[in-house]
N, C-alpha and C. Protein backbone atom coordinates (compact mmCIF):
# COMPACT_ATOMS: atom_id res chain seq x y z
N MET A 1 -17.44 -38.69 30.93
CA MET A 1 -16.51 -38.60 31.07
C MET A 1 -16.66 -39.44 29.58
N ARG A 2 -14.83 -39.57 29.01
CA ARG A 2 -14.49 -39.42 27.84
C ARG A 2 -14.23 -41.00 27.39
N SER A 3 -15.09 -42.07 26.64
CA SER A 3 -14.74 -42.49 25.83
C SER A 3 -13.83 -43.09 25.67
N SER A 4 -13.13 -42.84 25.39
CA SER A 4 -11.67 -43.07 24.57
C SER A 4 -10.58 -42.02 24.78
N LYS A 5 -9.20 -42.62 24.26
CA LYS A 5 -7.93 -42.22 24.84
C LYS A 5 -7.29 -41.33 23.97
N PRO A 6 -6.76 -40.45 24.05
CA PRO A 6 -6.11 -40.36 22.47
C PRO A 6 -5.14 -40.69 23.16
N ILE A 7 -4.56 -40.73 21.46
CA ILE A 7 -3.23 -41.75 21.00
C ILE A 7 -2.69 -41.23 19.76
N THR A 8 -1.10 -40.90 19.85
CA THR A 8 -0.14 -40.77 18.43
C THR A 8 0.12 -41.54 18.06
N VAL A 9 0.23 -40.28 16.15
CA VAL A 9 -0.99 -41.60 15.31
C VAL A 9 0.57 -41.51 14.09
N THR A 10 1.43 -40.89 13.72
CA THR A 10 3.10 -41.65 12.66
C THR A 10 2.06 -41.32 11.46
N LEU A 11 1.80 -41.16 10.17
CA LEU A 11 0.88 -40.86 9.43
C LEU A 11 1.47 -41.21 7.82
N GLY A 12 3.38 -40.53 8.08
CA GLY A 12 4.31 -40.68 6.94
C GLY A 12 3.57 -39.96 5.74
N ASN A 13 2.91 -40.78 4.25
CA ASN A 13 2.56 -39.76 3.17
C ASN A 13 1.40 -39.18 3.40
N GLN A 14 0.39 -40.30 4.23
CA GLN A 14 -0.83 -39.80 3.94
C GLN A 14 -1.23 -38.62 5.01
N GLN A 15 -0.53 -38.10 5.84
CA GLN A 15 -0.97 -36.75 6.43
C GLN A 15 -1.05 -35.33 5.39
N LYS A 16 -1.04 -35.83 4.10
CA LYS A 16 -1.65 -34.26 2.31
C LYS A 16 -2.95 -34.78 3.00
N SER A 17 -3.01 -35.96 3.13
CA SER A 17 -4.10 -36.45 2.81
C SER A 17 -5.58 -36.03 3.66
N VAL A 18 -4.80 -36.11 4.89
CA VAL A 18 -5.57 -35.41 6.05
C VAL A 18 -5.80 -34.13 6.00
N ASP A 19 -4.62 -32.69 5.61
CA ASP A 19 -4.09 -32.08 5.64
C ASP A 19 -5.10 -30.91 4.06
N ALA A 20 -5.44 -32.08 2.90
CA ALA A 20 -5.37 -31.34 2.43
C ALA A 20 -7.35 -32.09 2.79
N ARG A 21 -8.39 -32.41 3.46
CA ARG A 21 -9.01 -33.25 4.15
C ARG A 21 -9.66 -31.21 5.06
N LEU A 22 -8.86 -31.11 5.79
CA LEU A 22 -9.28 -29.97 6.99
C LEU A 22 -8.91 -28.33 5.82
N GLU A 23 -8.44 -28.53 4.86
CA GLU A 23 -7.55 -27.44 4.55
C GLU A 23 -8.85 -26.84 3.32
N SER A 24 -10.06 -28.72 3.07
CA SER A 24 -11.21 -27.88 2.57
C SER A 24 -12.44 -27.68 3.29
N GLY A 25 -12.43 -27.51 4.56
CA GLY A 25 -13.01 -27.28 5.51
C GLY A 25 -14.74 -28.55 6.01
N ALA A 26 -14.23 -29.48 4.80
CA ALA A 26 -15.43 -31.15 4.80
C ALA A 26 -15.32 -31.26 6.43
N TYR A 27 -14.24 -31.56 7.46
CA TYR A 27 -12.79 -32.03 8.35
C TYR A 27 -12.97 -30.29 8.99
N SER A 28 -13.23 -30.44 10.21
CA SER A 28 -13.00 -29.92 11.32
C SER A 28 -11.31 -30.07 12.41
N SER A 29 -11.50 -31.29 11.73
CA SER A 29 -9.99 -31.91 13.05
C SER A 29 -9.49 -32.99 12.11
N ALA A 30 -8.38 -33.13 12.07
CA ALA A 30 -7.81 -34.35 12.10
C ALA A 30 -8.26 -35.84 12.33
N SER A 31 -9.56 -35.40 13.73
CA SER A 31 -9.63 -37.32 14.09
C SER A 31 -10.96 -36.96 13.89
N GLU A 32 -11.59 -36.26 13.43
CA GLU A 32 -13.06 -36.61 12.27
C GLU A 32 -11.92 -36.93 11.04
N VAL A 33 -11.77 -36.48 10.46
CA VAL A 33 -11.44 -37.49 9.00
C VAL A 33 -10.48 -39.64 9.78
N LEU A 34 -10.38 -39.47 10.49
CA LEU A 34 -9.48 -40.16 10.72
C LEU A 34 -10.69 -41.07 11.87
N ARG A 35 -11.91 -40.78 12.33
CA ARG A 35 -12.45 -41.70 12.78
C ARG A 35 -13.66 -42.18 11.56
N ALA A 36 -13.57 -41.31 10.44
CA ALA A 36 -14.09 -41.31 8.59
C ALA A 36 -13.40 -42.47 7.81
N ALA A 37 -11.73 -42.21 8.24
CA ALA A 37 -11.59 -43.00 7.46
C ALA A 37 -11.63 -44.39 7.64
N LEU A 38 -11.67 -44.60 9.86
CA LEU A 38 -12.08 -46.23 10.24
C LEU A 38 -13.24 -46.06 9.98
N ARG A 39 -14.56 -45.35 10.14
CA ARG A 39 -15.84 -45.74 9.32
C ARG A 39 -16.10 -46.66 7.88
N ALA A 40 -14.87 -46.21 6.91
CA ALA A 40 -15.76 -46.03 5.92
C ALA A 40 -14.05 -47.61 5.47
N LEU A 41 -13.69 -47.94 6.18
CA LEU A 41 -13.18 -49.31 6.62
C LEU A 41 -13.79 -49.66 7.29
N ASP A 42 -14.08 -49.92 7.63
CA ASP A 42 -15.54 -50.87 8.38
C ASP A 42 -15.95 -51.74 7.56
N ARG A 43 -17.00 -50.30 7.00
CA ARG A 43 -18.28 -50.46 6.13
C ARG A 43 -16.75 -51.17 4.30
N GLU A 44 -16.24 -51.36 4.73
CA GLU A 44 -15.13 -51.91 3.55
C GLU A 44 -15.27 -53.21 3.65
N GLU A 45 -14.35 -54.26 4.92
CA GLU A 45 -14.18 -54.42 5.18
C GLU A 45 -15.96 -56.07 5.73
N GLU A 46 -16.39 -54.98 5.63
CA GLU A 46 -17.66 -55.80 6.07
C GLU A 46 -18.29 -56.06 4.36
N ALA A 47 -17.94 -55.10 3.67
CA ALA A 47 -18.57 -56.06 2.22
C ALA A 47 -17.67 -57.13 1.84
N VAL A 48 -16.83 -56.60 1.63
CA VAL A 48 -15.35 -58.17 0.97
C VAL A 48 -16.04 -59.49 1.83
N ASN A 49 -16.14 -59.00 3.43
CA ASN A 49 -16.59 -60.66 4.25
C ASN A 49 -18.11 -61.07 3.07
N GLU A 50 -19.01 -60.19 3.17
CA GLU A 50 -20.54 -60.40 3.47
C GLU A 50 -20.09 -61.68 1.14
N ILE A 51 -19.03 -60.16 0.48
CA ILE A 51 -19.06 -60.79 -1.08
C ILE A 51 -18.09 -62.15 -0.90
N MET A 52 -16.88 -62.48 -0.16
CA MET A 52 -16.72 -63.69 0.92
C MET A 52 -17.64 -64.51 0.87
N ARG A 53 -18.44 -64.29 1.85
CA ARG A 53 -19.46 -65.24 2.47
C ARG A 53 -20.19 -66.02 0.99
N GLN A 54 -20.95 -65.40 0.43
CA GLN A 54 -21.41 -65.59 -1.00
C GLN A 54 -20.52 -66.44 -1.59
N LYS A 55 -19.58 -65.98 -2.01
CA LYS A 55 -18.71 -66.93 -2.49
C LYS A 55 -18.77 -68.52 -2.15
N ILE A 56 -17.73 -68.12 -0.81
CA ILE A 56 -17.69 -69.46 0.02
C ILE A 56 -19.56 -70.25 -0.18
N LEU A 57 -20.21 -70.00 0.11
CA LEU A 57 -21.48 -70.37 -0.54
C LEU A 57 -21.62 -70.90 -1.48
N GLU A 58 -21.62 -70.49 -2.43
CA GLU A 58 -21.82 -70.65 -3.76
C GLU A 58 -21.15 -71.91 -3.76
N ALA A 59 -19.43 -72.19 -4.00
CA ALA A 59 -18.32 -73.56 -4.07
C ALA A 59 -19.76 -73.83 -2.82
N LEU A 60 -19.84 -73.76 -1.78
CA LEU A 60 -20.47 -75.23 -1.04
C LEU A 60 -22.04 -75.82 -1.78
N GLU A 61 -22.76 -74.77 -2.25
CA GLU A 61 -23.56 -75.51 -3.25
C GLU A 61 -23.49 -76.05 -4.76
N GLU A 62 -22.62 -76.36 -5.47
CA GLU A 62 -22.20 -76.71 -6.52
C GLU A 62 -21.95 -77.96 -6.48
N PRO A 63 -23.32 -77.78 -7.61
CA PRO A 63 -23.45 -79.97 -8.04
C PRO A 63 -22.26 -79.51 -7.82
N SER A 64 -21.48 -79.23 -9.12
CA SER A 64 -19.64 -79.97 -9.97
C SER A 64 -19.09 -81.20 -8.83
N PRO A 65 -18.27 -82.35 -9.41
CA PRO A 65 -17.65 -83.22 -8.95
C PRO A 65 -16.05 -82.43 -7.79
N ASP A 66 -15.92 -83.24 -6.41
CA ASP A 66 -15.11 -82.50 -6.19
C ASP A 66 -14.05 -83.05 -6.59
N ILE A 67 -13.10 -81.73 -6.86
CA ILE A 67 -11.93 -82.62 -7.51
C ILE A 67 -10.36 -83.57 -5.64
N ASP A 68 -10.39 -84.41 -6.33
CA ASP A 68 -9.25 -84.60 -5.27
C ASP A 68 -8.29 -83.86 -5.29
N ALA A 69 -7.05 -83.90 -4.02
CA ALA A 69 -5.79 -82.58 -4.65
C ALA A 69 -4.54 -83.04 -4.86
N GLU A 70 -4.04 -84.10 -5.58
CA GLU A 70 -3.67 -84.20 -5.71
C GLU A 70 -3.62 -84.91 -7.54
N THR A 71 -4.92 -84.58 -8.09
CA THR A 71 -5.17 -84.02 -8.96
C THR A 71 -5.13 -82.62 -9.29
N VAL A 72 -5.55 -81.97 -8.57
CA VAL A 72 -5.70 -80.32 -8.48
C VAL A 72 -3.76 -80.12 -7.94
N PHE A 73 -3.14 -79.99 -7.84
CA PHE A 73 -1.87 -80.41 -7.34
C PHE A 73 -0.38 -80.74 -8.96
N ASP A 74 -1.71 -82.08 -9.82
CA ASP A 74 -1.60 -82.31 -10.67
C ASP A 74 -1.05 -81.41 -11.54
N ARG A 75 -2.38 -80.71 -12.19
CA ARG A 75 -2.48 -79.49 -12.77
C ARG A 75 -1.64 -77.92 -12.24
N ILE A 76 -1.59 -77.59 -11.20
CA ILE A 76 -0.67 -77.45 -10.96
C ILE A 76 0.56 -77.21 -11.96
N GLU A 77 1.33 -77.58 -11.53
CA GLU A 77 2.45 -78.65 -11.55
C GLU A 77 2.51 -78.31 -12.78
N ARG A 78 2.09 -78.81 -13.65
CA ARG A 78 1.95 -78.72 -15.46
C ARG A 78 1.43 -77.31 -15.38
N LEU A 79 0.84 -76.55 -15.33
CA LEU A 79 0.38 -75.30 -15.63
C LEU A 79 1.54 -74.52 -14.76
N HIS A 80 2.51 -74.31 -14.52
CA HIS A 80 3.94 -73.68 -14.22
C HIS A 80 4.31 -73.52 -14.87
N ALA A 81 5.20 -75.73 -15.26
CA ALA A 81 6.24 -76.02 -15.95
C ALA A 81 5.07 -74.77 -17.40
N ASP A 82 4.03 -75.56 -17.91
CA ASP A 82 4.17 -74.16 -19.35
C ASP A 82 4.16 -72.97 -18.98
N ARG A 83 3.97 -72.44 -18.77
CA ARG A 83 4.61 -70.91 -17.61
C ARG A 83 5.70 -70.84 -18.46
N ILE A 84 6.79 -71.76 -17.30
CA ILE A 84 8.29 -71.15 -17.38
C ILE A 84 8.23 -72.06 -18.38
N GLY A 85 8.25 -72.23 -19.63
CA GLY A 85 8.93 -73.31 -20.53
C GLY A 85 9.24 -74.01 -20.94
N THR A 86 9.58 -74.87 -19.97
CA THR A 86 10.05 -75.85 -19.80
C THR A 86 9.74 -77.64 -20.21
N GLY A 87 8.23 -77.46 -19.81
CA GLY A 87 7.18 -78.66 -19.87
C GLY A 87 7.29 -79.74 -19.67
N ARG A 88 8.01 -79.63 -18.04
CA ARG A 88 8.39 -81.06 -17.87
C ARG A 88 8.37 -80.97 -16.13
N ILE A 89 7.92 -81.67 -15.66
CA ILE A 89 7.24 -81.42 -13.94
C ILE A 89 9.11 -82.01 -13.08
N GLY A 90 8.81 -81.28 -12.18
CA GLY A 90 10.50 -81.11 -11.51
C GLY A 90 11.35 -80.60 -12.34
N ASP A 91 11.77 -79.49 -13.09
CA ASP A 91 12.45 -79.06 -13.30
C ASP A 91 13.59 -78.15 -12.30
């Protein structure tokens, strides 16, 4: 018995990519192309998640002192004011 169900998908411009893969003979059906694409997406998301986990762990283990939110927002506001050229906060 089939464990998946058929679906209808509108690909738009990505249809050309599916068609090219089918014409090349690399895949024998659009379903194969989409399954391969989803496997690649799963791998990419897992890789990004692992990178983010590592960055979070590094940040948590960082020995430098914390900066309070008010100081951070003051710095952001000053940076923004400098970038837009006013040099003043609140303009």
